[in-house]
Amino acid sequence: MADYVMNCRIMSWTPSPVIIIPARMAASRLPGKPLADIGGKPMICHVWERAKAADIAPVWVATDHEEIAAAVRDVGGEAVMTRADHPSGSDRTFEAVSRLDPDGRFDVVLNLQGDLPEMDPAIAVTLLDTVRDSGAELSTLVTTASAEEAAQPQVVKAVVSWQEGQNLGQALYFSRAVVPHGEAPLFHHIGVYGWRRDALASFVALPPSPLETAEKLEQLRALEAGMRIAVAAVAAAPAGVDTEADLARTRARLS
């Protein structure tokens, strides 16, 4: 049971959030994708605009490339330069918020993905609500997955223990395999994260964990370290852009 959620709520807490969108040029499957043109605008600018439309927090793009920063600033956004050698988006996000806010004014960090140009602004709103309502160190989102979708290893599956009668649960595991086995619902993990800032600081100080290395999923490092990951469900996952084919489909929808 996920009774931990109710027990950990801090109902009087009003978070002070910031949204960080990490974006790097050296994506393995689609190099330079933050600057890929979609309807006359770089992809990262679409993501920034949708995060900004949520109207819940300041939005910054964290990047290792001045051309990405310039593109964001050209549409009125804000960007912060970070090192090029970060192993993950979480590490880049932590460096960014440390540079932007060394005094710790922001106590919640919403880490959105730079390859979700069709992201509904409600994604960020739901993520912040989950951080506030759960009391967990880390929060994320899922949506239901069909058997066909779950069979694809690029679709990350989440095993969730749900609070009865609530759209709030606790993540038990994440995998590229089809889990859980049997007649249980299947959930597609949406790779956005709501961190309590102190938990993010603890996370990036940890070495990669065995399950993280095996599955190539960094959220497993948090679980292996004993961190609680709260989960909420949304109606649909935003389409991500990982390949040239994804990009072509996105261009067709947003043209």
C-alpha atoms as a PDB file:
ATOM      1  CA  MET A   1       0.000   0.000   0.000  1.00  0.00           C
ATOM      2  CA  ALA A   2       1.113   3.552  -0.609  1.00  0.00           C
ATOM      3  CA  ASP A   3      -0.058   4.947   2.739  1.00  0.00           C
ATOM      4  CA  TYR A   4       3.375   6.593   2.997  1.00  0.00           C
ATOM      5  CA  VAL A   5       2.057   9.318   0.696  1.00  0.00           C
ATOM      6  CA  MET A   6      -0.657  10.520   3.056  1.00  0.00           C
ATOM      7  CA  ASN A   7       1.655  10.222   6.029  1.00  0.00           C
ATOM      8  CA  CYS A   8       4.352  12.340   4.357  1.00  0.00           C
ATOM      9  CA  ARG A   9       2.244  15.224   3.110  1.00  0.00           C
ATOM     10  CA  ILE A  10       3.206  18.644   4.362  1.00  0.00           C
ATOM     11  CA  MET A  11      -0.025  20.473   3.734  1.00  0.00           C
ATOM     12  CA  SER A  12       1.236  23.896   4.833  1.00  0.00           C
ATOM     13  CA  TRP A  13       4.296  23.838   2.571  1.00  0.00           C
ATOM     14  CA  THR A  14       4.291  26.287  -0.340  1.00  0.00           C
ATOM     15  CA  PRO A  15       7.083  25.313  -2.739  1.00  0.00           C
ATOM     16  CA  SER A  16       9.293  27.820  -4.510  1.00  0.00           C
ATOM     17  CA  PRO A  17       9.907  26.116  -7.872  1.00  0.00           C
ATOM     18  CA  VAL A  18      12.128  26.674 -10.876  1.00  0.00           C
ATOM     19  CA  ILE A  19      11.910  24.861 -14.215  1.00  0.00           C
ATOM     20  CA  ILE A  20      15.174  23.703 -15.802  1.00  0.00           C
ATOM     21  CA  ILE A  21      15.287  22.247 -19.331  1.00  0.00           C
ATOM     22  CA  PRO A  22      18.671  20.603 -20.028  1.00  0.00           C
ATOM     23  CA  ALA A  23      19.704  20.653 -23.688  1.00  0.00           C
ATOM     24  CA  ARG A  24      22.961  19.439 -25.217  1.00  0.00           C
ATOM     25  CA  MET A  25      24.204  19.287 -28.792  1.00  0.00           C
ATOM     26  CA  ALA A  26      25.780  15.817 -28.678  1.00  0.00           C
ATOM     27  CA  ALA A  27      22.668  13.607 -28.603  1.00  0.00           C
ATOM     28  CA  SER A  28      23.773  10.137 -29.728  1.00  0.00           C
ATOM     29  CA  ARG A  29      20.874   9.343 -32.055  1.00  0.00           C
ATOM     30  CA  LEU A  30      20.105  12.829 -33.347  1.00  0.00           C
ATOM     31  CA  PRO A  31      23.062  15.201 -32.878  1.00  0.00           C
ATOM     32  CA  GLY A  32      22.122  18.865 -32.679  1.00  0.00           C
ATOM     33  CA  LYS A  33      18.444  18.107 -32.119  1.00  0.00           C
ATOM     34  CA  PRO A  34      17.728  21.096 -29.801  1.00  0.00           C
ATOM     35  CA  LEU A  35      18.245  23.309 -32.855  1.00  0.00           C
ATOM     36  CA  ALA A  36      16.266  21.114 -35.280  1.00  0.00           C
ATOM     37  CA  ASP A  37      13.851  23.348 -37.163  1.00  0.00           C
ATOM     38  CA  ILE A  38      10.160  22.678 -36.506  1.00  0.00           C
ATOM     39  CA  GLY A  39       7.803  25.086 -38.201  1.00  0.00           C
ATOM     40  CA  GLY A  40      10.483  27.753 -38.523  1.00  0.00           C
ATOM     41  CA  LYS A  41      11.602  27.569 -34.898  1.00  0.00           C
ATOM     42  CA  PRO A  42      14.265  25.485 -33.091  1.00  0.00           C
ATOM     43  CA  MET A  43      12.836  22.564 -31.134  1.00  0.00           C
ATOM     44  CA  ILE A  44      14.203  23.830 -27.815  1.00  0.00           C
ATOM     45  CA  CYS A  45      12.223  27.047 -28.277  1.00  0.00           C
ATOM     46  CA  HIS A  46       8.974  25.095 -28.627  1.00  0.00           C
ATOM     47  CA  VAL A  47       9.767  23.310 -25.350  1.00  0.00           C
ATOM     48  CA  TRP A  48      10.648  26.576 -23.580  1.00  0.00           C
ATOM     49  CA  GLU A  49       7.396  28.205 -24.747  1.00  0.00           C
ATOM     50  CA  ARG A  50       5.290  25.298 -23.488  1.00  0.00           C
ATOM     51  CA  ALA A  51       7.038  25.271 -20.124  1.00  0.00           C
ATOM     52  CA  LYS A  52       6.561  29.038 -19.875  1.00  0.00           C
ATOM     53  CA  ALA A  53       2.853  28.650 -20.719  1.00  0.00           C
ATOM     54  CA  ALA A  54       2.399  26.569 -17.553  1.00  0.00           C
ATOM     55  CA  ASP A  55       2.912  29.856 -15.656  1.00  0.00           C
ATOM     56  CA  ILE A  56       4.106  28.213 -12.453  1.00  0.00           C
ATOM     57  CA  ALA A  57       7.817  29.063 -12.224  1.00  0.00           C
ATOM     58  CA  PRO A  58      10.763  30.789 -13.900  1.00  0.00           C
ATOM     59  CA  VAL A  59      12.024  28.739 -16.853  1.00  0.00           C
ATOM     60  CA  TRP A  60      15.689  28.324 -17.797  1.00  0.00           C
ATOM     61  CA  VAL A  61      17.363  26.242 -20.484  1.00  0.00           C
ATOM     62  CA  ALA A  62      20.621  24.676 -19.259  1.00  0.00           C
ATOM     63  CA  THR A  63      23.004  24.027 -22.121  1.00  0.00           C
ATOM     64  CA  ASP A  64      26.618  23.406 -23.070  1.00  0.00           C
ATOM     65  CA  HIS A  65      26.422  25.225 -26.391  1.00  0.00           C
ATOM     66  CA  GLU A  66      26.228  28.946 -27.030  1.00  0.00           C
ATOM     67  CA  GLU A  67      24.142  28.458 -30.185  1.00  0.00           C
ATOM     68  CA  ILE A  68      21.378  26.812 -28.142  1.00  0.00           C
ATOM     69  CA  ALA A  69      21.504  29.614 -25.581  1.00  0.00           C
ATOM     70  CA  ALA A  70      21.305  32.212 -28.355  1.00  0.00           C
ATOM     71  CA  ALA A  71      18.267  30.529 -29.925  1.00  0.00           C
ATOM     72  CA  VAL A  72      16.435  30.569 -26.593  1.00  0.00           C
ATOM     73  CA  ARG A  73      17.298  34.201 -25.944  1.00  0.00           C
ATOM     74  CA  ASP A  74      16.102  35.137 -29.433  1.00  0.00           C
ATOM     75  CA  VAL A  75      12.538  34.144 -28.457  1.00  0.00           C
ATOM     76  CA  GLY A  76      12.719  35.979 -25.126  1.00  0.00           C
ATOM     77  CA  GLY A  77      13.860  33.043 -23.015  1.00  0.00           C
ATOM     78  CA  GLU A  78      16.665  32.640 -20.506  1.00  0.00           C
ATOM     79  CA  ALA A  79      19.577  30.224 -20.722  1.00  0.00           C
ATOM     80  CA  VAL A  80      22.454  29.272 -18.456  1.00  0.00           C
ATOM     81  CA  MET A  81      25.729  27.780 -19.654  1.00  0.00           C
ATOM     82  CA  THR A  82      26.880  24.510 -18.079  1.00  0.00           C
ATOM     83  CA  ARG A  83      29.776  22.098 -18.527  1.00  0.00           C
ATOM     84  CA  ALA A  84      29.860  19.849 -21.581  1.00  0.00           C
ATOM     85  CA  ASP A  85      30.880  16.666 -19.732  1.00  0.00           C
ATOM     86  CA  HIS A  86      27.768  15.956 -17.645  1.00  0.00           C
ATOM     87  CA  PRO A  87      26.757  12.272 -17.724  1.00  0.00           C
ATOM     88  CA  SER A  88      23.045  13.036 -17.347  1.00  0.00           C
ATOM     89  CA  GLY A  89      20.379  15.701 -17.521  1.00  0.00           C
ATOM     90  CA  SER A  90      20.048  15.587 -13.744  1.00  0.00           C
ATOM     91  CA  ASP A  91      23.710  16.578 -13.328  1.00  0.00           C
ATOM     92  CA  ARG A  92      23.280  19.434 -15.811  1.00  0.00           C
ATOM     93  CA  THR A  93      20.102  20.536 -14.047  1.00  0.00           C
ATOM     94  CA  PHE A  94      21.845  20.617 -10.684  1.00  0.00           C
ATOM     95  CA  GLU A  95      24.767  22.666 -11.995  1.00  0.00           C
ATOM     96  CA  ALA A  96      22.309  25.093 -13.597  1.00  0.00           C
ATOM     97  CA  VAL A  97      20.246  25.692 -10.463  1.00  0.00           C
ATOM     98  CA  SER A  98      23.415  25.998  -8.376  1.00  0.00           C
ATOM     99  CA  ARG A  99      24.680  28.730 -10.695  1.00  0.00           C
ATOM    100  CA  LEU A 100      21.348  30.527 -10.927  1.00  0.00           C
ATOM    101  CA  ASP A 101      20.420  30.353  -7.275  1.00  0.00           C
ATOM    102  CA  PRO A 102      23.433  29.826  -4.993  1.00  0.00           C
ATOM    103  CA  ASP A 103      21.440  31.068  -1.980  1.00  0.00           C
ATOM    104  CA  GLY A 104      18.832  28.289  -2.268  1.00  0.00           C
ATOM    105  CA  ARG A 105      15.738  30.406  -2.863  1.00  0.00           C
ATOM    106  CA  PHE A 106      14.278  27.708  -5.141  1.00  0.00           C
ATOM    107  CA  ASP A 107      13.516  24.591  -3.105  1.00  0.00           C
ATOM    108  CA  VAL A 108      11.857  22.566  -5.901  1.00  0.00           C
ATOM    109  CA  VAL A 109      13.500  21.881  -9.263  1.00  0.00           C
ATOM    110  CA  LEU A 110      11.300  20.736 -12.133  1.00  0.00           C
ATOM    111  CA  ASN A 111      13.485  18.961 -14.692  1.00  0.00           C
ATOM    112  CA  LEU A 112      11.696  18.874 -18.064  1.00  0.00           C
ATOM    113  CA  GLN A 113      13.084  17.315 -21.242  1.00  0.00           C
ATOM    114  CA  GLY A 114      14.328  19.376 -24.163  1.00  0.00           C
ATOM    115  CA  ASP A 115      12.996  16.950 -26.785  1.00  0.00           C
ATOM    116  CA  LEU A 116       9.270  17.284 -26.013  1.00  0.00           C
ATOM    117  CA  PRO A 117       8.150  20.076 -28.374  1.00  0.00           C
ATOM    118  CA  GLU A 118       4.480  19.037 -28.107  1.00  0.00           C
ATOM    119  CA  MET A 119       4.426  18.929 -24.309  1.00  0.00           C
ATOM    120  CA  ASP A 120       1.142  20.024 -22.774  1.00  0.00           C
ATOM    121  CA  PRO A 121       1.835  22.813 -20.242  1.00  0.00           C
ATOM    122  CA  ALA A 122      -0.373  20.837 -17.827  1.00  0.00           C
ATOM    123  CA  ILE A 123       2.503  18.335 -17.531  1.00  0.00           C
ATOM    124  CA  ALA A 124       4.534  20.858 -15.539  1.00  0.00           C
ATOM    125  CA  VAL A 125       1.516  21.810 -13.420  1.00  0.00           C
ATOM    126  CA  THR A 126       0.772  18.182 -12.525  1.00  0.00           C
ATOM    127  CA  LEU A 127       4.417  17.537 -11.741  1.00  0.00           C
ATOM    128  CA  LEU A 128       4.544  20.451  -9.305  1.00  0.00           C
ATOM    129  CA  ASP A 129       1.278  19.342  -7.681  1.00  0.00           C
ATOM    130  CA  THR A 130       2.773  15.878  -7.165  1.00  0.00           C
ATOM    131  CA  VAL A 131       5.891  17.303  -5.533  1.00  0.00           C
ATOM    132  CA  ARG A 132       3.773  19.399  -3.182  1.00  0.00           C
ATOM    133  CA  ASP A 133       1.220  16.723  -2.306  1.00  0.00           C
ATOM    134  CA  SER A 134       3.470  13.677  -1.923  1.00  0.00           C
ATOM    135  CA  GLY A 135       6.253  14.703   0.428  1.00  0.00           C
ATOM    136  CA  ALA A 136       8.594  12.443  -1.581  1.00  0.00           C
ATOM    137  CA  GLU A 137      12.150  13.345  -2.478  1.00  0.00           C
ATOM    138  CA  LEU A 138      11.424  12.971  -6.172  1.00  0.00           C
ATOM    139  CA  SER A 139       8.257  12.958  -8.287  1.00  0.00           C
ATOM    140  CA  THR A 140       7.484  11.882 -11.840  1.00  0.00           C
ATOM    141  CA  LEU A 141       4.589  11.058 -14.185  1.00  0.00           C
ATOM    142  CA  VAL A 142       3.213   8.068 -16.074  1.00  0.00           C
ATOM    143  CA  THR A 143       0.453   7.252 -18.499  1.00  0.00           C
ATOM    144  CA  THR A 144      -1.171   3.936 -19.351  1.00  0.00           C
ATOM    145  CA  ALA A 145       0.590   1.832 -21.993  1.00  0.00           C
ATOM    146  CA  SER A 146      -0.831  -0.667 -24.462  1.00  0.00           C
ATOM    147  CA  ALA A 147       0.755  -4.117 -24.743  1.00  0.00           C
ATOM    148  CA  GLU A 148       2.196  -3.125 -28.119  1.00  0.00           C
ATOM    149  CA  GLU A 149       3.729   0.043 -26.707  1.00  0.00           C
ATOM    150  CA  ALA A 150       5.080  -1.750 -23.636  1.00  0.00           C
ATOM    151  CA  ALA A 151       6.878  -4.286 -25.838  1.00  0.00           C
ATOM    152  CA  GLN A 152       9.171  -1.540 -27.164  1.00  0.00           C
ATOM    153  CA  PRO A 153      12.405  -1.281 -25.107  1.00  0.00           C
ATOM    154  CA  GLN A 154      12.661   2.466 -25.775  1.00  0.00           C
ATOM    155  CA  VAL A 155       9.389   2.886 -23.848  1.00  0.00           C
ATOM    156  CA  VAL A 156      10.316   2.836 -20.166  1.00  0.00           C
ATOM    157  CA  LYS A 157       7.795   1.035 -17.972  1.00  0.00           C
ATOM    158  CA  ALA A 158       7.019   1.975 -14.379  1.00  0.00           C
ATOM    159  CA  VAL A 159       5.757  -0.340 -11.651  1.00  0.00           C
ATOM    160  CA  VAL A 160       3.612   1.746  -9.309  1.00  0.00           C
ATOM    161  CA  SER A 161       1.847   1.105  -6.003  1.00  0.00           C
ATOM    162  CA  TRP A 162      -1.158   3.443  -6.085  1.00  0.00           C
ATOM    163  CA  GLN A 163      -2.794   5.167  -3.151  1.00  0.00           C
ATOM    164  CA  GLU A 164      -6.353   3.844  -3.093  1.00  0.00           C
ATOM    165  CA  GLY A 165      -8.759   6.337  -4.633  1.00  0.00           C
ATOM    166  CA  GLN A 166      -5.955   8.810  -5.431  1.00  0.00           C
ATOM    167  CA  ASN A 167      -4.035   9.790  -8.539  1.00  0.00           C
ATOM    168  CA  LEU A 168      -0.897   9.428  -6.483  1.00  0.00           C
ATOM    169  CA  GLY A 169       1.389   6.479  -5.944  1.00  0.00           C
ATOM    170  CA  GLN A 170       4.897   5.271  -5.236  1.00  0.00           C
ATOM    171  CA  ALA A 171       7.290   3.962  -7.884  1.00  0.00           C
ATOM    172  CA  LEU A 172       8.584   0.486  -7.091  1.00  0.00           C
ATOM    173  CA  TYR A 173      10.681  -0.088 -10.221  1.00  0.00           C
ATOM    174  CA  PHE A 174      11.398   1.110 -13.763  1.00  0.00           C
ATOM    175  CA  SER A 175      12.424  -1.127 -16.649  1.00  0.00           C
ATOM    176  CA  ARG A 176      12.790  -1.422 -20.389  1.00  0.00           C
ATOM    177  CA  ALA A 177      11.260  -4.886 -20.056  1.00  0.00           C
ATOM    178  CA  VAL A 178       7.502  -5.477 -19.899  1.00  0.00           C
ATOM    179  CA  VAL A 179       6.714  -5.221 -16.192  1.00  0.00           C
ATOM    180  CA  PRO A 180       4.814  -6.170 -14.161  1.00  0.00           C
ATOM    181  CA  HIS A 181       4.049  -9.658 -15.435  1.00  0.00           C
ATOM    182  CA  GLY A 182       0.461 -10.910 -15.568  1.00  0.00           C
ATOM    183  CA  GLU A 183      -2.871  -9.111 -15.604  1.00  0.00           C
ATOM    184  CA  ALA A 184      -1.674  -5.854 -14.053  1.00  0.00           C
ATOM    185  CA  PRO A 185      -1.937  -2.440 -15.759  1.00  0.00           C
ATOM    186  CA  LEU A 186       1.113  -1.287 -17.724  1.00  0.00           C
ATOM    187  CA  PHE A 187       2.433   2.246 -17.331  1.00  0.00           C
ATOM    188  CA  HIS A 188       4.631   4.277 -19.674  1.00  0.00           C
ATOM    189  CA  HIS A 189       7.058   6.453 -17.730  1.00  0.00           C
ATOM    190  CA  ILE A 190       7.249  10.096 -18.823  1.00  0.00           C
ATOM    191  CA  GLY A 191      10.799  11.303 -18.239  1.00  0.00           C
ATOM    192  CA  VAL A 192      10.111  14.509 -16.341  1.00  0.00           C
ATOM    193  CA  TYR A 193      11.144  14.936 -12.717  1.00  0.00           C
ATOM    194  CA  GLY A 194      10.206  17.118  -9.791  1.00  0.00           C
ATOM    195  CA  TRP A 195      13.054  17.225  -7.270  1.00  0.00           C
ATOM    196  CA  ARG A 196      13.239  18.575  -3.803  1.00  0.00           C
ATOM    197  CA  ARG A 197      16.451  20.491  -4.132  1.00  0.00           C
ATOM    198  CA  ASP A 198      18.269  18.804  -1.268  1.00  0.00           C
ATOM    199  CA  ALA A 199      17.392  15.396  -2.737  1.00  0.00           C
ATOM    200  CA  LEU A 200      18.789  16.418  -6.135  1.00  0.00           C
ATOM    201  CA  ALA A 201      22.023  17.478  -4.451  1.00  0.00           C
ATOM    202  CA  SER A 202      22.249  14.080  -2.735  1.00  0.00           C
ATOM    203  CA  PHE A 203      21.427  12.225  -5.958  1.00  0.00           C
ATOM    204  CA  VAL A 204      24.134  13.801  -8.128  1.00  0.00           C
ATOM    205  CA  ALA A 205      26.735  13.045  -5.443  1.00  0.00           C
ATOM    206  CA  LEU A 206      26.024   9.301  -5.724  1.00  0.00           C
ATOM    207  CA  PRO A 207      27.893   7.002  -8.121  1.00  0.00           C
ATOM    208  CA  PRO A 208      25.874   5.141 -10.781  1.00  0.00           C
ATOM    209  CA  SER A 209      24.113   2.167  -9.203  1.00  0.00           C
ATOM    210  CA  PRO A 210      24.120  -1.458 -10.451  1.00  0.00           C
ATOM    211  CA  LEU A 211      20.488  -1.423 -11.634  1.00  0.00           C
ATOM    212  CA  GLU A 212      20.937   1.995 -13.228  1.00  0.00           C
ATOM    213  CA  THR A 213      23.903   0.646 -15.174  1.00  0.00           C
ATOM    214  CA  ALA A 214      22.048  -2.507 -16.225  1.00  0.00           C
ATOM    215  CA  GLU A 215      18.840  -0.798 -17.374  1.00  0.00           C
ATOM    216  CA  LYS A 216      20.460   2.520 -18.394  1.00  0.00           C
ATOM    217  CA  LEU A 217      17.834   4.369 -16.331  1.00  0.00           C
ATOM    218  CA  GLU A 218      19.180   6.935 -13.874  1.00  0.00           C
ATOM    219  CA  GLN A 219      16.003   7.014 -11.757  1.00  0.00           C
ATOM    220  CA  LEU A 220      16.959   3.541 -10.494  1.00  0.00           C
ATOM    221  CA  ARG A 221      19.911   5.160  -8.718  1.00  0.00           C
ATOM    222  CA  ALA A 222      17.412   7.084  -6.616  1.00  0.00           C
ATOM    223  CA  LEU A 223      15.439   3.943  -5.762  1.00  0.00           C
ATOM    224  CA  GLU A 224      18.572   1.986  -4.872  1.00  0.00           C
ATOM    225  CA  ALA A 225      19.630   4.837  -2.600  1.00  0.00           C
ATOM    226  CA  GLY A 226      16.315   4.579  -0.720  1.00  0.00           C
ATOM    227  CA  MET A 227      14.716   7.713  -2.149  1.00  0.00           C
ATOM    228  CA  ARG A 228      10.945   7.710  -2.560  1.00  0.00           C
ATOM    229  CA  ILE A 229       9.653   8.497  -6.040  1.00  0.00           C
ATOM    230  CA  ALA A 230       6.067   9.740  -6.075  1.00  0.00           C
ATOM    231  CA  VAL A 231       4.031   9.153  -9.228  1.00  0.00           C
ATOM    232  CA  ALA A 232       0.942  10.736 -10.759  1.00  0.00           C
ATOM    233  CA  ALA A 233      -0.852   9.660 -13.942  1.00  0.00           C
ATOM    234  CA  VAL A 234      -1.697  11.908 -16.894  1.00  0.00           C
ATOM    235  CA  ALA A 235      -3.907  11.225 -19.893  1.00  0.00           C
ATOM    236  CA  ALA A 236      -1.157  10.899 -22.502  1.00  0.00           C
ATOM    237  CA  ALA A 237       2.598  11.053 -22.937  1.00  0.00           C
ATOM    238  CA  PRO A 238       3.968  13.921 -25.011  1.00  0.00           C
ATOM    239  CA  ALA A 239       5.645  12.716 -28.196  1.00  0.00           C
ATOM    240  CA  GLY A 240       9.415  12.764 -27.847  1.00  0.00           C
ATOM    241  CA  VAL A 241      11.967  13.354 -30.605  1.00  0.00           C
ATOM    242  CA  ASP A 242      14.813  10.809 -30.587  1.00  0.00           C
ATOM    243  CA  THR A 243      15.257   9.940 -34.262  1.00  0.00           C
ATOM    244  CA  GLU A 244      14.941  11.483 -37.726  1.00  0.00           C
ATOM    245  CA  ALA A 245      11.623   9.642 -38.106  1.00  0.00           C
ATOM    246  CA  ASP A 246      10.315  11.167 -34.873  1.00  0.00           C
ATOM    247  CA  LEU A 247      11.388  14.584 -36.084  1.00  0.00           C
ATOM    248  CA  ALA A 248       9.587  14.145 -39.415  1.00  0.00           C
ATOM    249  CA  ARG A 249       6.355  13.157 -37.667  1.00  0.00           C
ATOM    250  CA  THR A 250       6.618  16.092 -35.272  1.00  0.00           C
ATOM    251  CA  ARG A 251       7.211  18.500 -38.145  1.00  0.00           C
ATOM    252  CA  ALA A 252       4.138  17.170 -39.922  1.00  0.00           C
ATOM    253  CA  ARG A 253       1.949  17.665 -36.823  1.00  0.00           C
ATOM    254  CA  LEU A 254       3.280  21.148 -36.018  1.00  0.00           C
ATOM    255  CA  SER A 255       3.649  22.487 -39.548  1.00  0.00           C
END
